[in-house]
Structures are given as structure tokens and as C-alpha cells.
Amino acid sequence: VQARGRATRRWIAIGLIALGVFFLVFGLVLA
């Protein structure tokens, strides 16, 4: 259960980082 919780948190973190990178690139293109 602890290992699954860590894996889930890791995927959520990766997803949030990817979303942040997408918005950063989009903002730089518009700028």
C-alpha cells in the first residue's frame, strides 16, 4: 500500500511538472 501510494504521488508529480513545462513553452512562444 505504501509503495502504491508513492508510485501514485510520483505519477502525479510527473504529470504536474509536464503540465507546467507545457504552459511555460506556450507562454514563451506567445512572448
PDB file of all heavy atoms in Angstrom:
ATOM      1  N   VAL A   1       0.846  -1.198   0.000  1.00  0.00           N
ATOM      2  CA  VAL A   1       0.000   0.000   0.000  1.00  0.00           C
ATOM      3  C   VAL A   1       0.880   1.247   0.000  1.00  0.00           C
ATOM      4  O   VAL A   1       0.629   2.191  -0.737  1.00  0.00           O
ATOM      5  CB  VAL A   1      -0.967  -0.009   1.210  1.00  0.00           C
ATOM      6  CG1 VAL A   1      -1.687   1.319   1.344  1.00  0.00           C
ATOM      7  CG2 VAL A   1      -1.948  -1.156   1.101  1.00  0.00           C
ATOM      8  N   GLN A   2       1.934   1.245   0.805  1.00  0.00           N
ATOM      9  CA  GLN A   2       2.858   2.384   0.837  1.00  0.00           C
ATOM     10  C   GLN A   2       3.548   2.547  -0.506  1.00  0.00           C
ATOM     11  O   GLN A   2       3.719   3.664  -0.992  1.00  0.00           O
ATOM     12  CB  GLN A   2       3.898   2.194   1.939  1.00  0.00           C
ATOM     13  CG  GLN A   2       3.364   2.403   3.318  1.00  0.00           C
ATOM     14  CD  GLN A   2       4.440   2.189   4.379  1.00  0.00           C
ATOM     15  OE1 GLN A   2       5.528   1.693   4.078  1.00  0.00           O
ATOM     16  NE2 GLN A   2       4.124   2.546   5.610  1.00  0.00           N
ATOM     17  N   ALA A   3       3.975   1.460  -1.131  1.00  0.00           N
ATOM     18  CA  ALA A   3       4.649   1.527  -2.422  1.00  0.00           C
ATOM     19  C   ALA A   3       3.709   2.067  -3.492  1.00  0.00           C
ATOM     20  O   ALA A   3       4.102   2.886  -4.320  1.00  0.00           O
ATOM     21  CB  ALA A   3       5.176   0.146  -2.820  1.00  0.00           C
ATOM     22  N   ARG A   4       2.432   1.622  -3.480  1.00  0.00           N
ATOM     23  CA  ARG A   4       1.459   2.142  -4.445  1.00  0.00           C
ATOM     24  C   ARG A   4       1.221   3.635  -4.216  1.00  0.00           C
ATOM     25  O   ARG A   4       1.069   4.387  -5.168  1.00  0.00           O
ATOM     26  CB  ARG A   4       0.137   1.388  -4.308  1.00  0.00           C
ATOM     27  CG  ARG A   4       0.135   0.103  -5.035  1.00  0.00           C
ATOM     28  CD  ARG A   4      -1.270  -0.450  -5.129  1.00  0.00           C
ATOM     29  NE  ARG A   4      -1.194  -1.893  -5.205  1.00  0.00           N
ATOM     30  CZ  ARG A   4      -2.053  -2.716  -4.697  1.00  0.00           C
ATOM     31  NH1 ARG A   4      -3.102  -2.248  -4.045  1.00  0.00           N
ATOM     32  NH2 ARG A   4      -1.914  -3.998  -4.832  1.00  0.00           N
ATOM     33  N   GLY A   5       1.159   4.044  -2.967  1.00  0.00           N
ATOM     34  CA  GLY A   5       0.962   5.467  -2.645  1.00  0.00           C
ATOM     35  C   GLY A   5       2.111   6.318  -3.167  1.00  0.00           C
ATOM     36  O   GLY A   5       1.902   7.384  -3.730  1.00  0.00           O
ATOM     37  N   ARG A   6       3.326   5.838  -2.998  1.00  0.00           N
ATOM     38  CA  ARG A   6       4.494   6.558  -3.506  1.00  0.00           C
ATOM     39  C   ARG A   6       4.478   6.617  -5.029  1.00  0.00           C
ATOM     40  O   ARG A   6       4.791   7.644  -5.618  1.00  0.00           O
ATOM     41  CB  ARG A   6       5.783   5.891  -3.029  1.00  0.00           C
ATOM     42  CG  ARG A   6       6.170   6.284  -1.648  1.00  0.00           C
ATOM     43  CD  ARG A   6       7.573   5.801  -1.314  1.00  0.00           C
ATOM     44  NE  ARG A   6       7.499   5.260   0.027  1.00  0.00           N
ATOM     45  CZ  ARG A   6       7.913   4.062   0.403  1.00  0.00           C
ATOM     46  NH1 ARG A   6       8.494   3.258  -0.455  1.00  0.00           N
ATOM     47  NH2 ARG A   6       7.780   3.659   1.639  1.00  0.00           N
ATOM     48  N   ALA A   7       4.144   5.510  -5.674  1.00  0.00           N
ATOM     49  CA  ALA A   7       4.098   5.472  -7.141  1.00  0.00           C
ATOM     50  C   ALA A   7       3.025   6.435  -7.659  1.00  0.00           C
ATOM     51  O   ALA A   7       3.245   7.151  -8.638  1.00  0.00           O
ATOM     52  CB  ALA A   7       3.812   4.056  -7.628  1.00  0.00           C
ATOM     53  N   THR A   8       1.887   6.475  -7.004  1.00  0.00           N
ATOM     54  CA  THR A   8       0.817   7.390  -7.415  1.00  0.00           C
ATOM     55  C   THR A   8       1.265   8.835  -7.259  1.00  0.00           C
ATOM     56  O   THR A   8       1.061   9.653  -8.165  1.00  0.00           O
ATOM     57  CB  THR A   8      -0.455   7.135  -6.576  1.00  0.00           C
ATOM     58  OG1 THR A   8      -0.868   5.784  -6.760  1.00  0.00           O
ATOM     59  CG2 THR A   8      -1.576   8.079  -6.981  1.00  0.00           C
ATOM     60  N   ARG A   9       1.866   9.161  -6.136  1.00  0.00           N
ATOM     61  CA  ARG A   9       2.371  10.524  -5.917  1.00  0.00           C
ATOM     62  C   ARG A   9       3.431  10.879  -6.947  1.00  0.00           C
ATOM     63  O   ARG A   9       3.489  12.008  -7.430  1.00  0.00           O
ATOM     64  CB  ARG A   9       2.909  10.675  -4.497  1.00  0.00           C
ATOM     65  CG  ARG A   9       1.823  10.766  -3.450  1.00  0.00           C
ATOM     66  CD  ARG A   9       2.363  11.228  -2.114  1.00  0.00           C
ATOM     67  NE  ARG A   9       3.360  10.340  -1.562  1.00  0.00           N
ATOM     68  CZ  ARG A   9       3.102   9.300  -0.763  1.00  0.00           C
ATOM     69  NH1 ARG A   9       1.863   9.031  -0.423  1.00  0.00           N
ATOM     70  NH2 ARG A   9       4.063   8.539  -0.302  1.00  0.00           N
ATOM     71  N   ARG A  10       4.278   9.921  -7.298  1.00  0.00           N
ATOM     72  CA  ARG A  10       5.319  10.164  -8.290  1.00  0.00           C
ATOM     73  C   ARG A  10       4.679  10.492  -9.648  1.00  0.00           C
ATOM     74  O   ARG A  10       5.085  11.435 -10.318  1.00  0.00           O
ATOM     75  CB  ARG A  10       6.241   8.948  -8.407  1.00  0.00           C
ATOM     76  CG  ARG A  10       7.408   9.174  -9.340  1.00  0.00           C
ATOM     77  CD  ARG A  10       8.396   8.009  -9.329  1.00  0.00           C
ATOM     78  NE  ARG A  10       8.957   7.838  -8.001  1.00  0.00           N
ATOM     79  CZ  ARG A  10       9.026   6.670  -7.348  1.00  0.00           C
ATOM     80  NH1 ARG A  10       8.579   5.563  -7.895  1.00  0.00           N
ATOM     81  NH2 ARG A  10       9.552   6.596  -6.149  1.00  0.00           N
ATOM     82  N   TRP A  11       3.656   9.745 -10.071  1.00  0.00           N
ATOM     83  CA  TRP A  11       2.992   9.997 -11.353  1.00  0.00           C
ATOM     84  C   TRP A  11       2.249  11.331 -11.342  1.00  0.00           C
ATOM     85  O   TRP A  11       2.210  12.044 -12.345  1.00  0.00           O
ATOM     86  CB  TRP A  11       2.040   8.858 -11.721  1.00  0.00           C
ATOM     87  CG  TRP A  11       2.786   7.697 -12.303  1.00  0.00           C
ATOM     88  CD1 TRP A  11       2.969   6.478 -11.747  1.00  0.00           C
ATOM     89  CD2 TRP A  11       3.478   7.679 -13.550  1.00  0.00           C
ATOM     90  NE1 TRP A  11       3.743   5.679 -12.560  1.00  0.00           N
ATOM     91  CE2 TRP A  11       4.071   6.403 -13.683  1.00  0.00           C
ATOM     92  CE3 TRP A  11       3.669   8.606 -14.561  1.00  0.00           C
ATOM     93  CZ2 TRP A  11       4.819   6.037 -14.790  1.00  0.00           C
ATOM     94  CZ3 TRP A  11       4.417   8.243 -15.667  1.00  0.00           C
ATOM     95  CH2 TRP A  11       4.984   6.971 -15.771  1.00  0.00           C
ATOM     96  N   ILE A  12       1.666  11.662 -10.216  1.00  0.00           N
ATOM     97  CA  ILE A  12       1.001  12.970 -10.103  1.00  0.00           C
ATOM     98  C   ILE A  12       2.032  14.082 -10.234  1.00  0.00           C
ATOM     99  O   ILE A  12       1.819  15.064 -10.946  1.00  0.00           O
ATOM    100  CB  ILE A  12       0.216  13.071  -8.774  1.00  0.00           C
ATOM    101  CG1 ILE A  12      -1.005  12.156  -8.826  1.00  0.00           C
ATOM    102  CG2 ILE A  12      -0.205  14.510  -8.496  1.00  0.00           C
ATOM    103  CD1 ILE A  12      -1.745  12.023  -7.507  1.00  0.00           C
ATOM    104  N   ALA A  13       3.156  13.941  -9.577  1.00  0.00           N
ATOM    105  CA  ALA A  13       4.216  14.951  -9.663  1.00  0.00           C
ATOM    106  C   ALA A  13       4.735  15.078 -11.089  1.00  0.00           C
ATOM    107  O   ALA A  13       4.922  16.188 -11.604  1.00  0.00           O
ATOM    108  CB  ALA A  13       5.362  14.609  -8.707  1.00  0.00           C
ATOM    109  N   ILE A  14       4.951  13.947 -11.758  1.00  0.00           N
ATOM    110  CA  ILE A  14       5.426  13.981 -13.153  1.00  0.00           C
ATOM    111  C   ILE A  14       4.393  14.670 -14.037  1.00  0.00           C
ATOM    112  O   ILE A  14       4.736  15.482 -14.898  1.00  0.00           O
ATOM    113  CB  ILE A  14       5.746  12.551 -13.649  1.00  0.00           C
ATOM    114  CG1 ILE A  14       7.005  12.021 -12.951  1.00  0.00           C
ATOM    115  CG2 ILE A  14       5.918  12.512 -15.166  1.00  0.00           C
ATOM    116  CD1 ILE A  14       7.272  10.542 -13.174  1.00  0.00           C
ATOM    117  N   GLY A  15       3.114  14.360 -13.832  1.00  0.00           N
ATOM    118  CA  GLY A  15       2.053  14.997 -14.609  1.00  0.00           C
ATOM    119  C   GLY A  15       2.005  16.506 -14.393  1.00  0.00           C
ATOM    120  O   GLY A  15       1.858  17.279 -15.351  1.00  0.00           O
ATOM    121  N   LEU A  16       2.143  16.944 -13.148  1.00  0.00           N
ATOM    122  CA  LEU A  16       2.127  18.379 -12.859  1.00  0.00           C
ATOM    123  C   LEU A  16       3.351  19.087 -13.449  1.00  0.00           C
ATOM    124  O   LEU A  16       3.237  20.199 -13.965  1.00  0.00           O
ATOM    125  CB  LEU A  16       2.041  18.618 -11.353  1.00  0.00           C
ATOM    126  CG  LEU A  16       0.691  18.276 -10.709  1.00  0.00           C
ATOM    127  CD1 LEU A  16       0.776  18.396  -9.197  1.00  0.00           C
ATOM    128  CD2 LEU A  16      -0.410  19.158 -11.267  1.00  0.00           C
ATOM    129  N   ILE A  17       4.487  18.442 -13.384  1.00  0.00           N
ATOM    130  CA  ILE A  17       5.691  19.022 -13.986  1.00  0.00           C
ATOM    131  C   ILE A  17       5.521  19.135 -15.500  1.00  0.00           C
ATOM    132  O   ILE A  17       5.847  20.158 -16.105  1.00  0.00           O
ATOM    133  CB  ILE A  17       6.947  18.198 -13.611  1.00  0.00           C
ATOM    134  CG1 ILE A  17       7.266  18.389 -12.124  1.00  0.00           C
ATOM    135  CG2 ILE A  17       8.136  18.581 -14.482  1.00  0.00           C
ATOM    136  CD1 ILE A  17       8.309  17.432 -11.577  1.00  0.00           C
ATOM    137  N   ALA A  18       4.986  18.083 -16.133  1.00  0.00           N
ATOM    138  CA  ALA A  18       4.764  18.120 -17.584  1.00  0.00           C
ATOM    139  C   ALA A  18       3.786  19.230 -17.954  1.00  0.00           C
ATOM    140  O   ALA A  18       3.989  19.955 -18.934  1.00  0.00           O
ATOM    141  CB  ALA A  18       4.243  16.763 -18.074  1.00  0.00           C
ATOM    142  N   LEU A  19       2.730  19.397 -17.177  1.00  0.00           N
ATOM    143  CA  LEU A  19       1.763  20.461 -17.425  1.00  0.00           C
ATOM    144  C   LEU A  19       2.427  21.837 -17.275  1.00  0.00           C
ATOM    145  O   LEU A  19       2.209  22.729 -18.096  1.00  0.00           O
ATOM    146  CB  LEU A  19       0.583  20.330 -16.454  1.00  0.00           C
ATOM    147  CG  LEU A  19      -0.622  21.204 -16.711  1.00  0.00           C
ATOM    148  CD1 LEU A  19      -1.250  20.868 -18.055  1.00  0.00           C
ATOM    149  CD2 LEU A  19      -1.636  21.020 -15.590  1.00  0.00           C
ATOM    150  N   GLY A  20       3.247  21.991 -16.265  1.00  0.00           N
ATOM    151  CA  GLY A  20       3.979  23.244 -16.075  1.00  0.00           C
ATOM    152  C   GLY A  20       4.918  23.546 -17.227  1.00  0.00           C
ATOM    153  O   GLY A  20       4.999  24.681 -17.704  1.00  0.00           O
ATOM    154  N   VAL A  21       5.619  22.533 -17.719  1.00  0.00           N
ATOM    155  CA  VAL A  21       6.531  22.716 -18.856  1.00  0.00           C
ATOM    156  C   VAL A  21       5.735  23.108 -20.098  1.00  0.00           C
ATOM    157  O   VAL A  21       6.151  24.002 -20.856  1.00  0.00           O
ATOM    158  CB  VAL A  21       7.369  21.438 -19.105  1.00  0.00           C
ATOM    159  CG1 VAL A  21       8.090  21.487 -20.440  1.00  0.00           C
ATOM    160  CG2 VAL A  21       8.355  21.230 -17.964  1.00  0.00           C
ATOM    161  N   PHE A  22       4.575  22.474 -20.310  1.00  0.00           N
ATOM    162  CA  PHE A  22       3.726  22.819 -21.455  1.00  0.00           C
ATOM    163  C   PHE A  22       3.335  24.295 -21.404  1.00  0.00           C
ATOM    164  O   PHE A  22       3.464  25.014 -22.396  1.00  0.00           O
ATOM    165  CB  PHE A  22       2.473  21.941 -21.478  1.00  0.00           C
ATOM    166  CG  PHE A  22       1.459  22.409 -22.475  1.00  0.00           C
ATOM    167  CD1 PHE A  22       1.612  22.135 -23.826  1.00  0.00           C
ATOM    168  CD2 PHE A  22       0.356  23.137 -22.066  1.00  0.00           C
ATOM    169  CE1 PHE A  22       0.683  22.585 -24.757  1.00  0.00           C
ATOM    170  CE2 PHE A  22      -0.587  23.590 -22.978  1.00  0.00           C
ATOM    171  CZ  PHE A  22      -0.419  23.314 -24.325  1.00  0.00           C
ATOM    172  N   PHE A  23       2.845  24.770 -20.263  1.00  0.00           N
ATOM    173  CA  PHE A  23       2.439  26.166 -20.151  1.00  0.00           C
ATOM    174  C   PHE A  23       3.623  27.122 -20.263  1.00  0.00           C
ATOM    175  O   PHE A  23       3.489  28.217 -20.808  1.00  0.00           O
ATOM    176  CB  PHE A  23       1.654  26.409 -18.863  1.00  0.00           C
ATOM    177  CG  PHE A  23       0.235  25.948 -18.954  1.00  0.00           C
ATOM    178  CD1 PHE A  23      -0.213  24.899 -18.182  1.00  0.00           C
ATOM    179  CD2 PHE A  23      -0.649  26.544 -19.842  1.00  0.00           C
ATOM    180  CE1 PHE A  23      -1.517  24.459 -18.273  1.00  0.00           C
ATOM    181  CE2 PHE A  23      -1.960  26.117 -19.943  1.00  0.00           C
ATOM    182  CZ  PHE A  23      -2.404  25.065 -19.159  1.00  0.00           C
ATOM    183  N   LEU A  24       4.779  26.727 -19.785  1.00  0.00           N
ATOM    184  CA  LEU A  24       5.977  27.548 -19.939  1.00  0.00           C
ATOM    185  C   LEU A  24       6.335  27.704 -21.416  1.00  0.00           C
ATOM    186  O   LEU A  24       6.573  28.817 -21.894  1.00  0.00           O
ATOM    187  CB  LEU A  24       7.151  26.933 -19.175  1.00  0.00           C
ATOM    188  CG  LEU A  24       8.501  27.626 -19.345  1.00  0.00           C
ATOM    189  CD1 LEU A  24       8.452  29.041 -18.771  1.00  0.00           C
ATOM    190  CD2 LEU A  24       9.601  26.822 -18.701  1.00  0.00           C
ATOM    191  N   VAL A  25       6.353  26.607 -22.146  1.00  0.00           N
ATOM    192  CA  VAL A  25       6.676  26.649 -23.586  1.00  0.00           C
ATOM    193  C   VAL A  25       5.632  27.471 -24.322  1.00  0.00           C
ATOM    194  O   VAL A  25       5.972  28.319 -25.168  1.00  0.00           O
ATOM    195  CB  VAL A  25       6.791  25.218 -24.172  1.00  0.00           C
ATOM    196  CG1 VAL A  25       6.864  25.239 -25.695  1.00  0.00           C
ATOM    197  CG2 VAL A  25       8.002  24.512 -23.585  1.00  0.00           C
ATOM    198  N   PHE A  26       4.353  27.277 -24.024  1.00  0.00           N
ATOM    199  CA  PHE A  26       3.272  28.028 -24.658  1.00  0.00           C
ATOM    200  C   PHE A  26       3.443  29.529 -24.396  1.00  0.00           C
ATOM    201  O   PHE A  26       3.324  30.348 -25.303  1.00  0.00           O
ATOM    202  CB  PHE A  26       1.921  27.534 -24.123  1.00  0.00           C
ATOM    203  CG  PHE A  26       0.738  28.166 -24.789  1.00  0.00           C
ATOM    204  CD1 PHE A  26       0.422  27.876 -26.100  1.00  0.00           C
ATOM    205  CD2 PHE A  26      -0.065  29.048 -24.088  1.00  0.00           C
ATOM    206  CE1 PHE A  26      -0.673  28.456 -26.719  1.00  0.00           C
ATOM    207  CE2 PHE A  26      -1.162  29.638 -24.690  1.00  0.00           C
ATOM    208  CZ  PHE A  26      -1.468  29.343 -26.004  1.00  0.00           C
ATOM    209  N   GLY A  27       3.752  29.892 -23.169  1.00  0.00           N
ATOM    210  CA  GLY A  27       3.979  31.297 -22.826  1.00  0.00           C
ATOM    211  C   GLY A  27       5.183  31.880 -23.556  1.00  0.00           C
ATOM    212  O   GLY A  27       5.140  33.023 -24.019  1.00  0.00           O
ATOM    213  N   LEU A  28       6.238  31.125 -23.680  1.00  0.00           N
ATOM    214  CA  LEU A  28       7.428  31.600 -24.386  1.00  0.00           C
ATOM    215  C   LEU A  28       7.153  31.791 -25.878  1.00  0.00           C
ATOM    216  O   LEU A  28       7.635  32.753 -26.483  1.00  0.00           O
ATOM    217  CB  LEU A  28       8.596  30.638 -24.177  1.00  0.00           C
ATOM    218  CG  LEU A  28       9.188  30.622 -22.763  1.00  0.00           C
ATOM    219  CD1 LEU A  28      10.222  29.497 -22.624  1.00  0.00           C
ATOM    220  CD2 LEU A  28       9.794  31.956 -22.410  1.00  0.00           C
ATOM    221  N   VAL A  29       6.358  30.903 -26.471  1.00  0.00           N
ATOM    222  CA  VAL A  29       6.002  31.048 -27.888  1.00  0.00           C
ATOM    223  C   VAL A  29       5.179  32.323 -28.076  1.00  0.00           C
ATOM    224  O   VAL A  29       5.429  33.111 -29.004  1.00  0.00           O
ATOM    225  CB  VAL A  29       5.238  29.807 -28.394  1.00  0.00           C
ATOM    226  CG1 VAL A  29       4.594  30.059 -29.745  1.00  0.00           C
ATOM    227  CG2 VAL A  29       6.176  28.610 -28.466  1.00  0.00           C
ATOM    228  N   LEU A  30       4.194  32.560 -27.217  1.00  0.00           N
ATOM    229  CA  LEU A  30       3.383  33.780 -27.318  1.00  0.00           C
ATOM    230  C   LEU A  30       4.231  35.031 -27.101  1.00  0.00           C
ATOM    231  O   LEU A  30       4.068  36.023 -27.818  1.00  0.00           O
ATOM    232  CB  LEU A  30       2.236  33.746 -26.305  1.00  0.00           C
ATOM    233  CG  LEU A  30       1.094  32.783 -26.610  1.00  0.00           C
ATOM    234  CD1 LEU A  30       0.061  32.835 -25.488  1.00  0.00           C
ATOM    235  CD2 LEU A  30       0.456  33.085 -27.933  1.00  0.00           C
ATOM    236  N   ALA A  31       5.128  34.990 -26.145  1.00  0.00           N
ATOM    237  CA  ALA A  31       6.000  36.140 -25.903  1.00  0.00           C
ATOM    238  C   ALA A  31       6.900  36.395 -27.106  1.00  0.00           C
ATOM    239  O   ALA A  31       7.125  37.546 -27.499  1.00  0.00           O
ATOM    240  CB  ALA A  31       6.842  35.907 -24.644  1.00  0.00           C
TER     241      ALA A  31
END
